[in-house]
């Protein structure tokens, strides 16, 4: 009987351990975000998750198809340090990887000082909501958002700004160009009917419940 009680106690502890698993940054190793081993529960632990991210609208799907791949360009970080406004300029590379044909995935940001020496390398989880806003949750617990109204996105150009959230007073202006790097070229093949248009408020469009519409002046 004592052995049976011990087994039951161990089983309860094991269940508690499983339930307490969160979106720990260490959980995301290269085998997960470069491979095919994706599970719903992995994403369900994020507060923003809902099933709609696996089946986004056509316009959001097209935006994601534009996002995925490699981008390079410049970034100007605007933030406060000891009460003073600071502007730092960097060269930057982004790699966006899409997961399960949804509107979310993993990515990597590599920033370089203007003398082209490495400054920082960060990985992040990203998703696009039905408003067209893109959220980047960096593994160092920094959360940034690229509001649809403050961006321009086409198959070759990605410009705009990203804002800090959760008390982070920072706004980063970026100007990026798509880099093929041997990846499959972006084309209309297999794309949605929105392919070919530009997205974002700076492209004179608004996103309402996953549908991009031209602004009415």
N, C-alpha and C. Protein backbone atom coordinates (compact mmCIF):
# COMPACT_ATOMS: atom_id res chain seq x y z
N UNK A 1 0.83 -1.21 0.00
CA UNK A 1 0.00 0.00 0.00
C UNK A 1 0.87 1.26 0.00
N UNK A 2 1.98 1.19 0.79
CA UNK A 2 2.88 2.33 0.84
C UNK A 2 3.46 2.64 -0.54
N UNK A 3 3.81 1.55 -1.27
CA UNK A 3 4.35 1.73 -2.62
C UNK A 3 3.32 2.37 -3.55
N UNK A 4 2.04 1.95 -3.40
CA UNK A 4 0.98 2.49 -4.23
C UNK A 4 0.81 3.97 -3.97
N UNK A 5 0.85 4.37 -2.68
CA UNK A 5 0.74 5.78 -2.34
C UNK A 5 1.90 6.58 -2.93
N UNK A 6 3.09 5.99 -2.91
CA UNK A 6 4.27 6.67 -3.45
C UNK A 6 4.12 6.89 -4.94
N UNK A 7 3.61 5.87 -5.64
CA UNK A 7 3.41 6.00 -7.08
C UNK A 7 2.39 7.10 -7.39
N UNK A 8 1.29 7.15 -6.57
CA UNK A 8 0.28 8.17 -6.79
C UNK A 8 0.86 9.56 -6.57
N UNK A 9 1.68 9.70 -5.54
CA UNK A 9 2.30 11.00 -5.26
C UNK A 9 3.21 11.43 -6.40
N UNK A 10 3.97 10.49 -6.93
CA UNK A 10 4.86 10.80 -8.05
C UNK A 10 4.06 11.21 -9.27
N UNK A 11 2.92 10.53 -9.51
CA UNK A 11 2.09 10.85 -10.66
C UNK A 11 1.53 12.26 -10.55
N UNK A 12 1.08 12.64 -9.33
CA UNK A 12 0.56 13.99 -9.12
C UNK A 12 1.63 15.03 -9.36
N UNK A 13 2.85 14.76 -8.84
CA UNK A 13 3.96 15.69 -9.04
C UNK A 13 4.28 15.85 -10.52
N UNK A 14 4.22 14.75 -11.26
CA UNK A 14 4.51 14.80 -12.70
C UNK A 14 3.48 15.64 -13.43
N UNK A 15 2.18 15.50 -13.04
CA UNK A 15 1.13 16.29 -13.68
C UNK A 15 1.29 17.76 -13.37
N UNK A 16 1.63 18.08 -12.12
CA UNK A 16 1.85 19.48 -11.74
C UNK A 16 2.99 20.08 -12.54
N UNK A 17 4.05 19.29 -12.73
CA UNK A 17 5.20 19.78 -13.49
C UNK A 17 4.81 20.09 -14.93
N UNK A 18 4.00 19.22 -15.52
CA UNK A 18 3.58 19.44 -16.90
C UNK A 18 2.71 20.67 -17.01
N UNK A 19 1.79 20.85 -16.04
CA UNK A 19 0.90 22.00 -16.09
C UNK A 19 1.62 23.30 -15.85
N UNK A 20 2.75 23.24 -15.16
CA UNK A 20 3.46 24.47 -14.83
C UNK A 20 4.43 24.90 -15.91
N UNK A 21 4.55 24.11 -17.00
CA UNK A 21 5.43 24.49 -18.10
C UNK A 21 4.88 25.75 -18.76
N UNK A 22 5.70 26.74 -18.90
CA UNK A 22 5.28 28.00 -19.52
C UNK A 22 6.09 28.22 -20.78
N UNK A 23 5.99 29.43 -21.35
CA UNK A 23 6.73 29.76 -22.56
C UNK A 23 8.15 30.16 -22.17
N UNK A 24 8.86 29.28 -21.52
CA UNK A 24 10.22 29.54 -21.09
C UNK A 24 11.10 29.73 -22.32
N UNK A 25 11.88 30.78 -22.33
CA UNK A 25 12.73 31.07 -23.48
C UNK A 25 13.68 29.93 -23.80
N UNK A 26 14.14 29.22 -22.74
CA UNK A 26 15.07 28.12 -22.98
C UNK A 26 14.42 26.98 -23.72
N UNK A 27 13.07 26.93 -23.71
CA UNK A 27 12.35 25.85 -24.38
C UNK A 27 12.54 25.91 -25.89
N UNK A 28 12.75 27.12 -26.39
CA UNK A 28 12.86 27.30 -27.84
C UNK A 28 14.31 27.12 -28.27
N UNK A 29 14.67 25.89 -28.63
CA UNK A 29 15.99 25.69 -29.18
C UNK A 29 15.88 25.63 -30.70
N UNK A 30 17.03 25.52 -31.37
CA UNK A 30 17.01 25.57 -32.83
C UNK A 30 16.20 24.44 -33.46
N UNK A 31 16.17 23.27 -32.80
CA UNK A 31 15.42 22.16 -33.35
C UNK A 31 13.93 22.47 -33.44
N UNK A 32 13.44 23.34 -32.55
CA UNK A 32 12.02 23.68 -32.57
C UNK A 32 11.72 24.75 -33.59
N UNK A 33 12.47 25.82 -33.59
CA UNK A 33 12.02 26.91 -34.46
C UNK A 33 12.57 26.84 -35.86
N UNK A 34 13.50 25.93 -36.12
CA UNK A 34 13.90 25.69 -37.50
C UNK A 34 13.29 24.40 -38.04
N UNK A 35 12.79 23.54 -37.15
CA UNK A 35 12.31 22.22 -37.58
C UNK A 35 10.82 22.18 -37.76
N UNK A 36 10.30 20.97 -37.78
CA UNK A 36 8.88 20.76 -38.02
C UNK A 36 8.14 20.30 -36.76
N UNK A 37 8.80 20.31 -35.62
CA UNK A 37 8.20 19.78 -34.40
C UNK A 37 7.39 20.85 -33.68
N UNK A 38 6.20 21.13 -34.20
CA UNK A 38 5.37 22.19 -33.64
C UNK A 38 4.10 21.58 -33.07
N UNK A 39 3.69 22.06 -31.91
CA UNK A 39 2.50 21.56 -31.26
C UNK A 39 1.64 22.73 -30.79
N UNK A 40 0.32 22.53 -30.84
CA UNK A 40 -0.60 23.59 -30.44
C UNK A 40 -0.30 24.06 -29.02
N UNK A 41 0.01 23.12 -28.12
CA UNK A 41 0.23 23.50 -26.73
C UNK A 41 1.41 24.44 -26.57
N UNK A 42 2.37 24.35 -27.49
CA UNK A 42 3.52 25.25 -27.41
C UNK A 42 3.08 26.70 -27.54
N UNK A 43 2.10 26.95 -28.41
CA UNK A 43 1.66 28.32 -28.66
C UNK A 43 0.53 28.72 -27.72
N UNK A 44 -0.22 27.73 -27.23
CA UNK A 44 -1.33 28.01 -26.34
C UNK A 44 -0.87 28.66 -25.04
N UNK A 45 0.40 28.51 -24.70
CA UNK A 45 0.88 29.07 -23.44
C UNK A 45 1.10 30.58 -23.55
N UNK A 46 1.00 31.14 -24.74
CA UNK A 46 1.11 32.59 -24.90
C UNK A 46 -0.26 33.23 -24.69
N UNK A 47 -0.28 34.35 -23.96
CA UNK A 47 -1.53 35.00 -23.63
C UNK A 47 -2.28 35.50 -24.85
N UNK A 48 -1.59 35.78 -25.95
CA UNK A 48 -2.25 36.33 -27.12
C UNK A 48 -2.88 35.25 -28.00
N UNK A 49 -2.60 33.99 -27.72
CA UNK A 49 -2.97 32.92 -28.66
C UNK A 49 -4.48 32.71 -28.75
N UNK A 50 -4.97 32.50 -29.97
CA UNK A 50 -6.28 31.90 -30.19
C UNK A 50 -6.21 31.15 -31.51
N UNK A 51 -7.21 30.32 -31.77
CA UNK A 51 -7.14 29.45 -32.96
C UNK A 51 -7.12 30.22 -34.26
N UNK A 52 -7.53 31.50 -34.23
CA UNK A 52 -7.53 32.29 -35.45
C UNK A 52 -6.15 32.49 -36.04
N UNK A 53 -5.10 32.36 -35.23
CA UNK A 53 -3.75 32.53 -35.75
C UNK A 53 -3.34 31.38 -36.66
N UNK A 54 -4.06 30.26 -36.60
CA UNK A 54 -3.80 29.15 -37.52
C UNK A 54 -4.59 29.29 -38.81
N UNK A 55 -5.58 30.18 -38.83
CA UNK A 55 -6.41 30.36 -40.02
C UNK A 55 -6.73 31.83 -40.21
N UNK A 56 -5.72 32.65 -40.52
CA UNK A 56 -5.94 34.09 -40.66
C UNK A 56 -6.66 34.44 -41.97
N UNK A 57 -7.07 35.68 -42.10
CA UNK A 57 -7.73 36.16 -43.31
C UNK A 57 -6.73 36.17 -44.48
N UNK A 58 -7.25 36.34 -45.69
CA UNK A 58 -6.39 36.35 -46.87
C UNK A 58 -5.38 37.49 -46.82
N UNK A 59 -5.81 38.67 -46.37
CA UNK A 59 -4.87 39.79 -46.32
C UNK A 59 -3.77 39.56 -45.29
N UNK A 60 -4.12 39.00 -44.14
CA UNK A 60 -3.10 38.71 -43.14
C UNK A 60 -2.17 37.61 -43.65
N UNK A 61 -2.72 36.60 -44.33
CA UNK A 61 -1.87 35.55 -44.92
C UNK A 61 -0.86 36.15 -45.89
N UNK A 62 -1.33 37.11 -46.69
CA UNK A 62 -0.43 37.74 -47.66
C UNK A 62 0.64 38.55 -46.94
N UNK A 63 0.24 39.28 -45.91
CA UNK A 63 1.23 40.02 -45.12
C UNK A 63 2.30 39.08 -44.58
N UNK A 64 1.87 37.93 -44.05
CA UNK A 64 2.82 36.97 -43.49
C UNK A 64 3.74 36.43 -44.57
N UNK A 65 3.19 36.19 -45.76
CA UNK A 65 4.02 35.70 -46.86
C UNK A 65 5.08 36.74 -47.25
N UNK A 66 4.75 38.02 -47.08
CA UNK A 66 5.73 39.08 -47.32
C UNK A 66 6.79 39.08 -46.22
N UNK A 67 6.35 38.91 -44.98
CA UNK A 67 7.25 38.95 -43.84
C UNK A 67 8.33 37.88 -43.90
N UNK A 68 7.92 36.65 -44.19
CA UNK A 68 8.83 35.52 -44.03
C UNK A 68 10.05 35.65 -44.94
N UNK A 69 11.19 35.33 -44.36
CA UNK A 69 12.44 35.45 -45.09
C UNK A 69 13.39 36.42 -44.41
N UNK A 70 14.38 36.85 -45.16
CA UNK A 70 15.46 37.68 -44.61
C UNK A 70 15.33 39.13 -45.08
N UNK A 71 15.57 40.04 -44.14
CA UNK A 71 15.52 41.48 -44.41
C UNK A 71 16.79 42.13 -43.88
N UNK A 72 17.25 43.17 -44.56
CA UNK A 72 18.43 43.88 -44.09
C UNK A 72 18.24 45.38 -44.30
N UNK A 73 18.87 46.18 -43.44
CA UNK A 73 18.73 47.63 -43.59
C UNK A 73 19.27 48.37 -42.39
N UNK A 74 18.59 49.44 -42.03
CA UNK A 74 19.04 50.29 -40.92
C UNK A 74 17.94 50.44 -39.88
N UNK A 75 18.35 50.72 -38.65
CA UNK A 75 17.43 50.93 -37.55
C UNK A 75 17.95 52.06 -36.68
N UNK A 76 17.07 52.99 -36.34
CA UNK A 76 17.41 54.08 -35.42
C UNK A 76 16.59 53.89 -34.16
N UNK A 77 17.26 53.62 -33.04
CA UNK A 77 16.60 53.41 -31.76
C UNK A 77 16.47 54.75 -31.03
N UNK A 78 15.25 55.10 -30.64
CA UNK A 78 14.98 56.33 -29.91
C UNK A 78 14.46 55.95 -28.52
N UNK A 79 15.19 56.33 -27.49
CA UNK A 79 14.80 55.96 -26.13
C UNK A 79 15.36 56.98 -25.14
N UNK A 80 14.94 56.84 -23.89
CA UNK A 80 15.42 57.75 -22.85
C UNK A 80 16.40 57.03 -21.92
N UNK A 81 17.45 57.74 -21.59
CA UNK A 81 18.45 57.22 -20.67
C UNK A 81 18.82 58.32 -19.68
N UNK A 82 18.53 58.10 -18.42
CA UNK A 82 18.76 59.10 -17.37
C UNK A 82 18.05 60.42 -17.70
N UNK A 83 16.84 60.28 -18.25
CA UNK A 83 16.03 61.45 -18.55
C UNK A 83 16.35 62.13 -19.86
N UNK A 84 17.40 61.69 -20.53
CA UNK A 84 17.81 62.30 -21.80
C UNK A 84 17.37 61.42 -22.98
N UNK A 85 16.93 62.06 -24.06
CA UNK A 85 16.56 61.33 -25.27
C UNK A 85 17.82 60.92 -26.01
N UNK A 86 17.91 59.63 -26.34
CA UNK A 86 19.09 59.07 -27.02
C UNK A 86 18.66 58.51 -28.37
N UNK A 87 19.46 58.73 -29.38
CA UNK A 87 19.23 58.16 -30.71
C UNK A 87 20.48 57.38 -31.12
N UNK A 88 20.31 56.06 -31.28
CA UNK A 88 21.41 55.20 -31.71
C UNK A 88 21.09 54.62 -33.07
N UNK A 89 22.06 54.65 -33.97
CA UNK A 89 21.87 54.11 -35.32
C UNK A 89 22.58 52.77 -35.47
N UNK A 90 21.92 51.84 -36.18
CA UNK A 90 22.48 50.51 -36.36
C UNK A 90 22.20 50.01 -37.78
N UNK A 91 23.04 49.08 -38.22
CA UNK A 91 22.67 48.21 -39.33
C UNK A 91 21.95 47.02 -38.69
N UNK A 92 20.97 46.46 -39.40
CA UNK A 92 20.19 45.39 -38.79
C UNK A 92 19.78 44.35 -39.82
N UNK A 93 19.75 43.09 -39.38
CA UNK A 93 19.24 41.98 -40.19
C UNK A 93 18.11 41.30 -39.42
N UNK A 94 17.05 40.94 -40.14
CA UNK A 94 15.94 40.19 -39.54
C UNK A 94 15.70 38.91 -40.34
N UNK A 95 15.35 37.86 -39.62
CA UNK A 95 14.97 36.59 -40.24
C UNK A 95 13.63 36.19 -39.64
N UNK A 96 12.57 36.19 -40.46
CA UNK A 96 11.24 35.80 -40.00
C UNK A 96 10.91 34.41 -40.54
N UNK A 97 10.57 33.50 -39.65
CA UNK A 97 10.15 32.16 -40.06
C UNK A 97 8.70 31.95 -39.65
N UNK A 98 7.91 31.52 -40.62
CA UNK A 98 6.48 31.32 -40.42
C UNK A 98 6.23 29.87 -39.98
N UNK A 99 5.22 29.68 -39.14
CA UNK A 99 4.93 28.36 -38.61
C UNK A 99 3.52 27.92 -39.02
N UNK A 100 3.42 26.67 -39.51
CA UNK A 100 2.12 26.04 -39.77
C UNK A 100 1.20 26.84 -40.68
N UNK A 101 1.76 27.65 -41.58
CA UNK A 101 0.96 28.49 -42.47
C UNK A 101 0.04 29.45 -41.71
N UNK A 102 0.40 29.74 -40.46
CA UNK A 102 -0.40 30.66 -39.66
C UNK A 102 0.18 32.06 -39.70
N UNK A 103 -0.33 32.92 -38.84
CA UNK A 103 0.13 34.31 -38.80
C UNK A 103 1.05 34.53 -37.60
N UNK A 104 1.97 33.62 -37.39
CA UNK A 104 2.89 33.67 -36.26
C UNK A 104 4.14 32.86 -36.58
N UNK A 105 5.16 33.01 -35.76
CA UNK A 105 6.38 32.25 -36.01
C UNK A 105 7.50 32.67 -35.08
N UNK A 106 8.71 32.34 -35.49
CA UNK A 106 9.91 32.69 -34.74
C UNK A 106 10.80 33.54 -35.63
N UNK A 107 11.71 34.28 -35.02
CA UNK A 107 12.58 35.15 -35.80
C UNK A 107 13.87 35.47 -35.07
N UNK A 108 14.72 36.19 -35.77
CA UNK A 108 16.00 36.58 -35.19
C UNK A 108 16.35 38.00 -35.65
N UNK A 109 16.85 38.80 -34.73
CA UNK A 109 17.29 40.17 -35.01
C UNK A 109 18.78 40.26 -34.70
N UNK A 110 19.56 40.71 -35.67
CA UNK A 110 21.00 40.91 -35.47
C UNK A 110 21.30 42.37 -35.77
N UNK A 111 21.80 43.09 -34.76
CA UNK A 111 22.13 44.50 -34.95
C UNK A 111 23.65 44.69 -34.92
N UNK A 112 24.10 45.64 -35.74
CA UNK A 112 25.53 45.96 -35.85
C UNK A 112 25.72 47.46 -35.63
N UNK A 113 26.79 47.81 -34.99
CA UNK A 113 27.14 49.22 -34.85
C UNK A 113 27.48 49.78 -36.22
N UNK A 114 27.58 51.10 -36.33
CA UNK A 114 27.83 51.71 -37.63
C UNK A 114 29.22 51.38 -38.17
N UNK A 115 30.12 50.90 -37.31
CA UNK A 115 31.42 50.43 -37.82
C UNK A 115 31.35 48.97 -38.24
N UNK A 116 30.10 48.41 -38.24
CA UNK A 116 29.78 47.05 -38.69
C UNK A 116 30.28 45.96 -37.76
N UNK A 117 30.59 46.31 -36.52
CA UNK A 117 30.88 45.28 -35.52
C UNK A 117 29.58 44.86 -34.86
N UNK A 118 29.50 43.60 -34.45
CA UNK A 118 28.27 43.05 -33.87
C UNK A 118 27.91 43.78 -32.58
N UNK A 119 26.63 44.17 -32.47
CA UNK A 119 26.15 44.81 -31.24
C UNK A 119 25.30 43.84 -30.42
N UNK A 120 24.30 43.21 -31.06
CA UNK A 120 23.41 42.33 -30.31
C UNK A 120 22.75 41.33 -31.24
N UNK A 121 22.48 40.14 -30.72
CA UNK A 121 21.79 39.08 -31.46
C UNK A 121 20.64 38.58 -30.57
N UNK A 122 19.40 38.76 -31.04
CA UNK A 122 18.24 38.36 -30.23
C UNK A 122 17.26 37.54 -31.06
N UNK A 123 16.65 36.55 -30.44
CA UNK A 123 15.58 35.78 -31.07
C UNK A 123 14.25 36.22 -30.48
N UNK A 124 13.19 35.98 -31.23
CA UNK A 124 11.87 36.44 -30.79
C UNK A 124 10.76 35.58 -31.36
N UNK A 125 9.61 35.64 -30.71
CA UNK A 125 8.37 35.07 -31.21
C UNK A 125 7.53 36.22 -31.76
N UNK A 126 6.89 36.03 -32.92
CA UNK A 126 6.11 37.11 -33.52
C UNK A 126 4.73 36.62 -33.94
N UNK A 127 3.79 37.55 -33.98
CA UNK A 127 2.48 37.22 -34.52
C UNK A 127 1.82 38.50 -35.04
N UNK A 128 0.91 38.33 -36.00
CA UNK A 128 0.15 39.45 -36.58
C UNK A 128 -1.32 39.25 -36.22
N UNK A 129 -1.94 40.26 -35.60
CA UNK A 129 -3.35 40.12 -35.23
C UNK A 129 -4.25 40.62 -36.36
N UNK A 130 -5.57 40.57 -36.13
CA UNK A 130 -6.52 40.90 -37.19
C UNK A 130 -6.55 42.39 -37.50
N UNK A 131 -5.88 43.20 -36.68
CA UNK A 131 -5.74 44.63 -36.99
C UNK A 131 -4.52 44.91 -37.85
N UNK A 132 -3.74 43.85 -38.15
CA UNK A 132 -2.53 44.02 -38.92
C UNK A 132 -1.33 44.45 -38.09
N UNK A 133 -1.51 44.54 -36.77
CA UNK A 133 -0.40 44.92 -35.88
C UNK A 133 0.50 43.71 -35.65
N UNK A 134 1.81 43.92 -35.67
CA UNK A 134 2.77 42.84 -35.52
C UNK A 134 3.48 42.97 -34.18
N UNK A 135 3.43 41.90 -33.38
CA UNK A 135 4.03 41.89 -32.05
C UNK A 135 5.29 41.03 -32.06
N UNK A 136 6.36 41.57 -31.51
CA UNK A 136 7.63 40.85 -31.38
C UNK A 136 7.95 40.67 -29.90
N UNK A 137 7.88 39.43 -29.42
CA UNK A 137 8.22 39.12 -28.04
C UNK A 137 9.64 38.55 -28.02
N UNK A 138 10.61 39.38 -27.66
CA UNK A 138 12.01 38.95 -27.66
C UNK A 138 12.28 38.03 -26.47
N UNK A 139 13.25 37.16 -26.64
CA UNK A 139 13.55 36.19 -25.61
C UNK A 139 14.17 36.81 -24.36
N UNK A 140 14.56 38.10 -24.43
CA UNK A 140 15.06 38.79 -23.24
C UNK A 140 13.94 39.57 -22.55
N UNK A 141 12.67 39.15 -22.86
CA UNK A 141 11.47 39.71 -22.22
C UNK A 141 11.14 41.13 -22.65
N UNK A 142 11.66 41.57 -23.77
CA UNK A 142 11.28 42.87 -24.34
C UNK A 142 10.14 42.63 -25.34
N UNK A 143 9.07 43.41 -25.22
CA UNK A 143 7.92 43.30 -26.11
C UNK A 143 7.80 44.57 -26.94
N UNK A 144 7.77 44.41 -28.28
CA UNK A 144 7.64 45.53 -29.19
C UNK A 144 6.45 45.29 -30.12
N UNK A 145 5.89 46.37 -30.65
CA UNK A 145 4.79 46.25 -31.60
C UNK A 145 5.04 47.15 -32.79
N UNK A 146 4.75 46.63 -33.98
CA UNK A 146 4.76 47.43 -35.20
C UNK A 146 3.29 47.66 -35.57
N UNK A 147 2.79 48.84 -35.26
CA UNK A 147 1.39 49.14 -35.57
C UNK A 147 1.20 49.24 -37.07
N UNK A 148 0.06 48.68 -37.53
CA UNK A 148 -0.24 48.70 -38.96
C UNK A 148 -0.23 50.12 -39.50
N UNK A 149 -0.71 51.06 -38.70
CA UNK A 149 -0.80 52.45 -39.15
C UNK A 149 0.56 53.10 -39.34
N UNK A 150 1.62 52.49 -38.78
CA UNK A 150 2.95 53.11 -38.80
C UNK A 150 3.94 52.30 -39.62
N UNK A 151 3.44 51.55 -40.62
CA UNK A 151 4.35 50.72 -41.42
C UNK A 151 3.99 50.75 -42.90
N UNK A 152 4.95 50.34 -43.71
CA UNK A 152 4.76 50.12 -45.13
C UNK A 152 5.41 48.78 -45.46
N UNK A 153 4.67 47.86 -46.08
CA UNK A 153 5.18 46.53 -46.39
C UNK A 153 4.80 46.12 -47.79
N UNK A 154 5.81 45.74 -48.57
CA UNK A 154 5.59 45.15 -49.89
C UNK A 154 6.47 43.90 -49.97
N UNK A 155 6.54 43.30 -51.14
CA UNK A 155 7.38 42.10 -51.27
C UNK A 155 8.86 42.42 -51.15
N UNK A 156 9.25 43.66 -51.32
CA UNK A 156 10.66 44.02 -51.35
C UNK A 156 11.07 45.07 -50.33
N UNK A 157 10.11 45.81 -49.78
CA UNK A 157 10.42 46.92 -48.88
C UNK A 157 9.60 46.80 -47.61
N UNK A 158 10.24 47.05 -46.46
CA UNK A 158 9.57 47.03 -45.17
C UNK A 158 10.08 48.24 -44.38
N UNK A 159 9.21 49.22 -44.15
CA UNK A 159 9.59 50.46 -43.48
C UNK A 159 8.58 50.79 -42.40
N UNK A 160 9.03 51.54 -41.39
CA UNK A 160 8.10 51.98 -40.36
C UNK A 160 8.79 52.14 -39.03
N UNK A 161 8.02 51.95 -37.97
CA UNK A 161 8.58 52.07 -36.62
C UNK A 161 7.94 51.03 -35.72
N UNK A 162 8.68 50.63 -34.68
CA UNK A 162 8.14 49.72 -33.68
C UNK A 162 8.25 50.37 -32.31
N UNK A 163 7.21 50.17 -31.51
CA UNK A 163 7.11 50.82 -30.21
C UNK A 163 7.27 49.81 -29.08
N UNK A 164 7.91 50.25 -28.01
CA UNK A 164 8.04 49.41 -26.83
C UNK A 164 6.72 49.34 -26.08
N UNK A 165 6.47 48.20 -25.45
CA UNK A 165 5.28 48.00 -24.63
C UNK A 165 5.69 47.62 -23.21
N UNK A 166 4.72 47.49 -22.34
CA UNK A 166 4.96 47.11 -20.94
C UNK A 166 5.93 48.05 -20.24
N UNK A 167 5.73 49.35 -20.47
CA UNK A 167 6.55 50.34 -19.78
C UNK A 167 7.85 50.70 -20.45
N UNK A 168 8.16 50.07 -21.59
CA UNK A 168 9.40 50.39 -22.30
C UNK A 168 9.19 51.63 -23.16
N UNK A 169 9.90 52.70 -22.84
CA UNK A 169 9.78 53.95 -23.59
C UNK A 169 10.82 53.96 -24.71
N UNK A 170 10.45 53.38 -25.84
CA UNK A 170 11.37 53.28 -26.98
C UNK A 170 10.57 53.22 -28.28
N UNK A 171 11.08 53.88 -29.28
CA UNK A 171 10.51 53.81 -30.63
C UNK A 171 11.66 53.65 -31.61
N UNK A 172 11.63 52.55 -32.37
CA UNK A 172 12.71 52.25 -33.31
C UNK A 172 12.21 52.44 -34.74
N UNK A 173 12.88 53.29 -35.50
CA UNK A 173 12.55 53.51 -36.91
C UNK A 173 13.41 52.58 -37.76
N UNK A 174 12.77 51.85 -38.69
CA UNK A 174 13.53 50.91 -39.50
C UNK A 174 13.22 51.09 -40.99
N UNK A 175 14.21 50.75 -41.79
CA UNK A 175 14.10 50.83 -43.25
C UNK A 175 14.80 49.60 -43.81
N UNK A 176 14.02 48.62 -44.29
CA UNK A 176 14.57 47.31 -44.65
C UNK A 176 14.27 46.95 -46.10
N UNK A 177 15.16 46.14 -46.67
CA UNK A 177 14.98 45.60 -48.01
C UNK A 177 15.02 44.08 -47.92
N UNK A 178 14.20 43.41 -48.72
CA UNK A 178 14.16 41.95 -48.71
C UNK A 178 15.43 41.38 -49.34
N UNK A 179 15.95 40.32 -48.71
CA UNK A 179 17.15 39.64 -49.21
C UNK A 179 16.78 38.20 -49.51
N UNK A 180 17.06 37.74 -50.72
CA UNK A 180 16.70 36.38 -51.10
C UNK A 180 17.55 35.36 -50.36
N UNK A 181 18.87 35.51 -50.37
CA UNK A 181 19.79 34.61 -49.68
C UNK A 181 19.56 33.14 -50.02
N UNK A 182 19.20 32.88 -51.26
CA UNK A 182 19.02 31.50 -51.68
C UNK A 182 17.66 30.93 -51.34
N UNK A 183 16.81 31.71 -50.66
CA UNK A 183 15.46 31.25 -50.34
C UNK A 183 14.61 31.28 -51.61
N UNK A 184 13.51 30.55 -51.57
CA UNK A 184 12.59 30.58 -52.70
C UNK A 184 12.07 31.99 -52.89
N UNK A 185 12.17 32.50 -54.09
CA UNK A 185 11.75 33.87 -54.37
C UNK A 185 10.26 34.03 -54.12
N UNK A 186 9.87 35.18 -53.63
CA UNK A 186 8.46 35.45 -53.42
C UNK A 186 7.79 35.65 -54.77
N UNK A 187 6.70 34.98 -54.96
CA UNK A 187 5.98 35.09 -56.23
C UNK A 187 4.49 34.94 -55.98
N UNK A 188 3.71 35.14 -57.02
CA UNK A 188 2.26 35.04 -56.88
C UNK A 188 1.79 33.59 -56.77
N UNK A 189 2.66 32.63 -57.06
CA UNK A 189 2.29 31.22 -57.03
C UNK A 189 1.86 30.82 -55.62
N UNK A 190 0.66 30.32 -55.49
CA UNK A 190 0.16 29.86 -54.21
C UNK A 190 -0.21 30.97 -53.25
N UNK A 191 -0.15 32.22 -53.69
CA UNK A 191 -0.49 33.33 -52.82
C UNK A 191 -1.99 33.60 -52.85
N UNK A 192 -2.45 34.42 -51.94
CA UNK A 192 -3.85 34.80 -51.91
C UNK A 192 -4.09 35.92 -52.91
N UNK A 193 -5.36 36.28 -53.06
CA UNK A 193 -5.69 37.29 -54.08
C UNK A 193 -5.16 38.67 -53.72
N UNK A 194 -4.74 38.85 -52.46
CA UNK A 194 -4.19 40.14 -52.07
C UNK A 194 -2.74 40.32 -52.47
N UNK A 195 -2.12 39.26 -53.03
CA UNK A 195 -0.71 39.35 -53.36
C UNK A 195 -0.47 40.43 -54.43
N UNK A 196 0.60 41.20 -54.23
CA UNK A 196 0.95 42.23 -55.19
C UNK A 196 0.67 43.64 -54.67
N UNK A 197 -0.22 43.75 -53.69
CA UNK A 197 -0.51 45.06 -53.14
C UNK A 197 0.45 45.37 -52.00
N UNK A 198 0.47 46.62 -51.58
CA UNK A 198 1.28 47.03 -50.43
C UNK A 198 0.37 47.17 -49.21
N UNK A 199 0.95 46.96 -48.04
CA UNK A 199 0.17 46.99 -46.80
C UNK A 199 0.72 48.03 -45.83
N UNK A 200 -0.15 48.50 -44.94
CA UNK A 200 0.25 49.43 -43.91
C UNK A 200 -0.37 50.80 -44.09
N UNK A 201 -0.43 51.55 -42.98
CA UNK A 201 -0.96 52.90 -43.04
C UNK A 201 -0.15 53.80 -43.94
N UNK A 202 1.16 53.55 -44.04
CA UNK A 202 2.02 54.35 -44.91
C UNK A 202 1.83 53.98 -46.38
N UNK A 203 1.06 52.91 -46.62
CA UNK A 203 0.67 52.54 -47.99
C UNK A 203 -0.76 52.97 -48.27
N UNK A 204 -1.28 53.85 -47.38
CA UNK A 204 -2.62 54.42 -47.54
C UNK A 204 -3.73 53.37 -47.43
N UNK A 205 -3.51 52.37 -46.54
CA UNK A 205 -4.56 51.38 -46.29
C UNK A 205 -4.79 51.25 -44.78
N UNK A 206 -5.96 50.74 -44.43
CA UNK A 206 -6.28 50.42 -43.05
C UNK A 206 -6.66 48.94 -43.00
N UNK A 207 -6.47 48.31 -41.84
CA UNK A 207 -6.82 46.90 -41.66
C UNK A 207 -7.96 46.82 -40.65
N UNK A 208 -9.09 46.25 -41.07
CA UNK A 208 -10.26 46.10 -40.20
C UNK A 208 -10.67 44.64 -40.18
N UNK A 209 -10.50 44.00 -39.03
CA UNK A 209 -10.85 42.60 -38.85
C UNK A 209 -10.26 41.72 -39.95
N UNK A 210 -8.98 41.96 -40.23
CA UNK A 210 -8.26 41.11 -41.17
C UNK A 210 -8.43 41.48 -42.63
N UNK A 211 -9.17 42.55 -42.91
CA UNK A 211 -9.38 42.98 -44.30
C UNK A 211 -8.72 44.34 -44.51
N UNK A 212 -7.83 44.41 -45.50
CA UNK A 212 -7.15 45.67 -45.81
C UNK A 212 -7.97 46.48 -46.80
N UNK A 213 -8.19 47.74 -46.46
CA UNK A 213 -9.00 48.60 -47.32
C UNK A 213 -8.27 49.93 -47.54
N UNK A 214 -8.50 50.55 -48.68
CA UNK A 214 -7.89 51.84 -48.95
C UNK A 214 -8.49 52.89 -48.03
N UNK A 215 -7.64 53.82 -47.61
CA UNK A 215 -8.13 54.91 -46.77
C UNK A 215 -9.05 55.81 -47.55
N UNK A 216 -10.03 56.35 -46.85
CA UNK A 216 -10.92 57.33 -47.46
C UNK A 216 -10.44 58.71 -47.05
N UNK A 217 -9.96 59.48 -48.01
CA UNK A 217 -9.41 60.80 -47.69
C UNK A 217 -10.52 61.82 -47.50
